[in-house]
Amino acid sequence: MKTTVEISAPLLEAAKELAARAGTTLRALVETGLRRVLAEHRESGRAFVLPDRSVGGKGLRPEYQDADWAEIRRAAYEGRGG
C-alpha cells in the first residue's frame, strides 16, 4: 500500500544512506523501524499484574478490624523504635 509520510530532510538523508550501506531499501528500513516501535509498544503496554502472595489466615485480629492504617502501623512498630 502506498502512503505519504513527511520526514525531515536530514532524517531522510540519513535513512537513505543507511539503507544503501546496509544493501536494503528505504521501504524495508522504514518497515523494520515501524515493526520495532510497534513491538515495544505492545510489550510496554501490558498491565502489570502483581502476583498473589497472600497466605492463609482469617484477616485482621478482632481488635484491628475497624482500625485505620495509622493505628495498625503503630501496633506493628510498637517497641521497635518506630
N, C-alpha and C. Protein backbone atom coordinates (compact mmCIF):
# COMPACT_ATOMS: atom_id res chain seq x y z
N MET A 1 0.85 -1.17 0.00
CA MET A 1 0.00 0.00 0.00
C MET A 1 0.89 1.24 0.00
N LYS A 2 0.53 2.19 -0.81
CA LYS A 2 1.30 3.43 -0.86
C LYS A 2 0.70 4.44 0.10
N THR A 3 1.58 5.22 0.71
CA THR A 3 1.14 6.30 1.59
C THR A 3 2.19 7.40 1.53
N THR A 4 1.84 8.56 2.02
CA THR A 4 2.78 9.68 2.04
C THR A 4 3.07 10.01 3.50
N VAL A 5 4.36 10.12 3.79
CA VAL A 5 4.79 10.48 5.14
C VAL A 5 5.78 11.62 5.02
N GLU A 6 5.60 12.65 5.83
CA GLU A 6 6.54 13.77 5.83
C GLU A 6 7.64 13.48 6.82
N ILE A 7 8.88 13.48 6.34
CA ILE A 7 10.05 13.21 7.17
C ILE A 7 11.02 14.36 6.97
N SER A 8 11.66 14.77 8.04
CA SER A 8 12.62 15.87 7.91
C SER A 8 13.73 15.47 6.94
N ALA A 9 14.25 16.45 6.22
CA ALA A 9 15.27 16.19 5.21
C ALA A 9 16.51 15.50 5.79
N PRO A 10 17.04 15.98 6.93
CA PRO A 10 18.23 15.31 7.47
C PRO A 10 17.97 13.84 7.86
N LEU A 11 16.80 13.58 8.43
CA LEU A 11 16.47 12.20 8.80
C LEU A 11 16.31 11.32 7.57
N LEU A 12 15.68 11.84 6.55
CA LEU A 12 15.50 11.09 5.32
C LEU A 12 16.85 10.78 4.67
N GLU A 13 17.73 11.76 4.63
CA GLU A 13 19.05 11.54 4.03
C GLU A 13 19.84 10.49 4.81
N ALA A 14 19.78 10.57 6.14
CA ALA A 14 20.50 9.58 6.96
C ALA A 14 19.92 8.18 6.74
N ALA A 15 18.61 8.10 6.61
CA ALA A 15 17.96 6.80 6.38
C ALA A 15 18.34 6.25 5.01
N LYS A 16 18.37 7.09 4.01
CA LYS A 16 18.77 6.64 2.66
C LYS A 16 20.21 6.14 2.67
N GLU A 17 21.09 6.87 3.37
CA GLU A 17 22.49 6.45 3.43
C GLU A 17 22.62 5.11 4.15
N LEU A 18 21.91 4.95 5.23
CA LEU A 18 21.95 3.68 5.98
C LEU A 18 21.43 2.54 5.12
N ALA A 19 20.33 2.77 4.43
CA ALA A 19 19.76 1.73 3.57
C ALA A 19 20.76 1.32 2.49
N ALA A 20 21.43 2.30 1.90
CA ALA A 20 22.42 2.00 0.86
C ALA A 20 23.58 1.19 1.43
N ARG A 21 24.08 1.61 2.61
CA ARG A 21 25.21 0.88 3.22
C ARG A 21 24.80 -0.53 3.63
N ALA A 22 23.56 -0.69 4.04
CA ALA A 22 23.08 -2.00 4.50
C ALA A 22 22.61 -2.88 3.36
N GLY A 23 22.59 -2.31 2.15
CA GLY A 23 22.15 -3.09 0.99
C GLY A 23 20.67 -3.42 1.04
N THR A 24 19.89 -2.47 1.51
CA THR A 24 18.44 -2.66 1.60
C THR A 24 17.75 -1.44 1.04
N THR A 25 16.45 -1.44 1.09
CA THR A 25 15.69 -0.30 0.56
C THR A 25 15.22 0.58 1.71
N LEU A 26 14.90 1.80 1.36
CA LEU A 26 14.33 2.72 2.33
C LEU A 26 13.02 2.15 2.88
N ARG A 27 12.25 1.56 1.99
CA ARG A 27 10.98 0.96 2.41
C ARG A 27 11.21 -0.12 3.46
N ALA A 28 12.17 -1.01 3.24
CA ALA A 28 12.45 -2.08 4.20
C ALA A 28 12.94 -1.51 5.53
N LEU A 29 13.76 -0.46 5.46
CA LEU A 29 14.25 0.18 6.67
C LEU A 29 13.11 0.79 7.47
N VAL A 30 12.21 1.49 6.81
CA VAL A 30 11.07 2.11 7.48
C VAL A 30 10.16 1.04 8.07
N GLU A 31 9.90 -0.02 7.32
CA GLU A 31 9.04 -1.10 7.83
C GLU A 31 9.66 -1.76 9.06
N THR A 32 10.97 -1.98 9.03
CA THR A 32 11.65 -2.58 10.18
C THR A 32 11.52 -1.67 11.40
N GLY A 33 11.74 -0.39 11.19
CA GLY A 33 11.62 0.56 12.29
C GLY A 33 10.21 0.60 12.87
N LEU A 34 9.22 0.61 12.00
CA LEU A 34 7.83 0.62 12.48
C LEU A 34 7.50 -0.66 13.25
N ARG A 35 7.98 -1.79 12.74
CA ARG A 35 7.73 -3.05 13.46
C ARG A 35 8.35 -3.03 14.85
N ARG A 36 9.55 -2.51 14.96
CA ARG A 36 10.21 -2.44 16.27
C ARG A 36 9.44 -1.53 17.23
N VAL A 37 9.03 -0.38 16.76
CA VAL A 37 8.28 0.55 17.61
C VAL A 37 6.96 -0.08 18.05
N LEU A 38 6.27 -0.73 17.14
CA LEU A 38 5.00 -1.37 17.48
C LEU A 38 5.20 -2.50 18.49
N ALA A 39 6.28 -3.27 18.33
CA ALA A 39 6.58 -4.36 19.27
C ALA A 39 6.89 -3.80 20.64
N GLU A 40 7.68 -2.74 20.71
CA GLU A 40 7.99 -2.11 22.00
C GLU A 40 6.72 -1.62 22.67
N HIS A 41 5.85 -1.03 21.89
CA HIS A 41 4.60 -0.50 22.44
C HIS A 41 3.73 -1.63 23.00
N ARG A 42 3.65 -2.72 22.26
CA ARG A 42 2.86 -3.87 22.72
C ARG A 42 3.43 -4.41 24.03
N GLU A 43 4.75 -4.54 24.09
CA GLU A 43 5.39 -5.09 25.28
C GLU A 43 5.23 -4.18 26.48
N SER A 44 5.41 -2.89 26.30
CA SER A 44 5.31 -1.97 27.42
C SER A 44 3.87 -1.61 27.75
N GLY A 45 2.96 -1.90 26.87
CA GLY A 45 1.57 -1.57 27.10
C GLY A 45 0.82 -2.57 27.97
N ARG A 46 1.48 -3.67 28.29
CA ARG A 46 0.82 -4.66 29.14
C ARG A 46 0.70 -4.15 30.56
N ALA A 47 -0.42 -4.42 31.14
CA ALA A 47 -0.63 -4.02 32.53
C ALA A 47 0.18 -4.93 33.45
N PHE A 48 0.75 -4.34 34.47
CA PHE A 48 1.49 -5.11 35.45
C PHE A 48 0.50 -5.86 36.33
N VAL A 49 0.75 -7.14 36.52
CA VAL A 49 -0.10 -7.95 37.38
C VAL A 49 0.74 -8.38 38.57
N LEU A 50 0.33 -7.95 39.73
CA LEU A 50 1.03 -8.30 40.95
C LEU A 50 0.71 -9.74 41.31
N PRO A 51 1.72 -10.59 41.47
CA PRO A 51 1.44 -11.98 41.81
C PRO A 51 0.77 -12.09 43.18
N ASP A 52 -0.11 -13.03 43.32
CA ASP A 52 -0.81 -13.25 44.58
C ASP A 52 0.15 -13.95 45.54
N ARG A 53 0.55 -13.26 46.57
CA ARG A 53 1.45 -13.82 47.58
C ARG A 53 0.75 -13.89 48.94
N SER A 54 -0.56 -13.96 48.90
CA SER A 54 -1.30 -14.00 50.16
C SER A 54 -1.07 -15.33 50.87
N VAL A 55 -1.27 -15.30 52.14
CA VAL A 55 -1.09 -16.50 52.96
C VAL A 55 -2.43 -16.84 53.60
N GLY A 56 -2.52 -18.04 54.08
CA GLY A 56 -3.75 -18.45 54.75
C GLY A 56 -3.97 -17.63 56.00
N GLY A 57 -5.17 -17.52 56.42
CA GLY A 57 -5.50 -16.76 57.63
C GLY A 57 -6.92 -16.26 57.56
N LYS A 58 -7.29 -15.58 58.60
CA LYS A 58 -8.68 -15.09 58.67
C LYS A 58 -8.72 -13.57 58.71
N GLY A 59 -7.69 -12.92 58.19
CA GLY A 59 -7.69 -11.47 58.16
C GLY A 59 -7.13 -10.87 59.43
N LEU A 60 -7.53 -9.65 59.72
CA LEU A 60 -7.04 -8.94 60.89
C LEU A 60 -7.60 -9.53 62.18
N ARG A 61 -6.82 -9.36 63.22
CA ARG A 61 -7.31 -9.77 64.53
C ARG A 61 -8.49 -8.88 64.88
N PRO A 62 -9.41 -9.38 65.70
CA PRO A 62 -10.64 -8.63 66.01
C PRO A 62 -10.40 -7.21 66.48
N GLU A 63 -9.35 -6.97 67.27
CA GLU A 63 -9.12 -5.62 67.80
C GLU A 63 -8.68 -4.62 66.72
N TYR A 64 -8.31 -5.13 65.54
CA TYR A 64 -7.89 -4.24 64.46
C TYR A 64 -8.86 -4.23 63.28
N GLN A 65 -9.97 -4.89 63.38
CA GLN A 65 -10.94 -4.96 62.28
C GLN A 65 -11.36 -3.57 61.80
N ASP A 66 -11.60 -2.66 62.70
CA ASP A 66 -12.08 -1.32 62.33
C ASP A 66 -11.00 -0.26 62.48
N ALA A 67 -9.76 -0.66 62.65
CA ALA A 67 -8.66 0.30 62.86
C ALA A 67 -8.25 0.93 61.54
N ASP A 68 -7.76 2.16 61.62
CA ASP A 68 -7.22 2.80 60.42
C ASP A 68 -5.75 2.39 60.29
N TRP A 69 -5.14 2.74 59.15
CA TRP A 69 -3.78 2.31 58.87
C TRP A 69 -2.79 2.84 59.91
N ALA A 70 -2.98 4.06 60.39
CA ALA A 70 -2.06 4.63 61.37
C ALA A 70 -2.05 3.80 62.65
N GLU A 71 -3.20 3.35 63.08
CA GLU A 71 -3.28 2.53 64.29
C GLU A 71 -2.62 1.17 64.08
N ILE A 72 -2.84 0.56 62.94
CA ILE A 72 -2.22 -0.73 62.65
C ILE A 72 -0.70 -0.58 62.57
N ARG A 73 -0.23 0.49 61.95
CA ARG A 73 1.21 0.74 61.84
C ARG A 73 1.82 0.96 63.22
N ARG A 74 1.15 1.75 64.07
CA ARG A 74 1.66 1.96 65.43
C ARG A 74 1.82 0.63 66.16
N ALA A 75 0.81 -0.24 66.03
CA ALA A 75 0.86 -1.54 66.71
C ALA A 75 1.99 -2.40 66.14
N ALA A 76 2.20 -2.34 64.84
CA ALA A 76 3.23 -3.17 64.21
C ALA A 76 4.63 -2.75 64.65
N TYR A 77 4.84 -1.46 64.86
CA TYR A 77 6.15 -0.95 65.23
C TYR A 77 6.32 -0.72 66.73
N GLU A 78 5.32 -1.04 67.50
CA GLU A 78 5.38 -0.83 68.95
C GLU A 78 6.57 -1.57 69.55
N GLY A 79 7.39 -0.83 70.30
CA GLY A 79 8.55 -1.43 70.93
C GLY A 79 9.73 -1.64 70.00
N ARG A 80 9.64 -1.14 68.75
CA ARG A 80 10.73 -1.33 67.78
C ARG A 80 11.37 -0.01 67.38
N GLY A 81 11.08 1.03 68.12
CA GLY A 81 11.69 2.33 67.85
C GLY A 81 11.08 3.08 66.69
N GLY A 82 9.96 2.61 66.16
CA GLY A 82 9.36 3.26 65.01
C GLY A 82 8.26 4.13 65.41
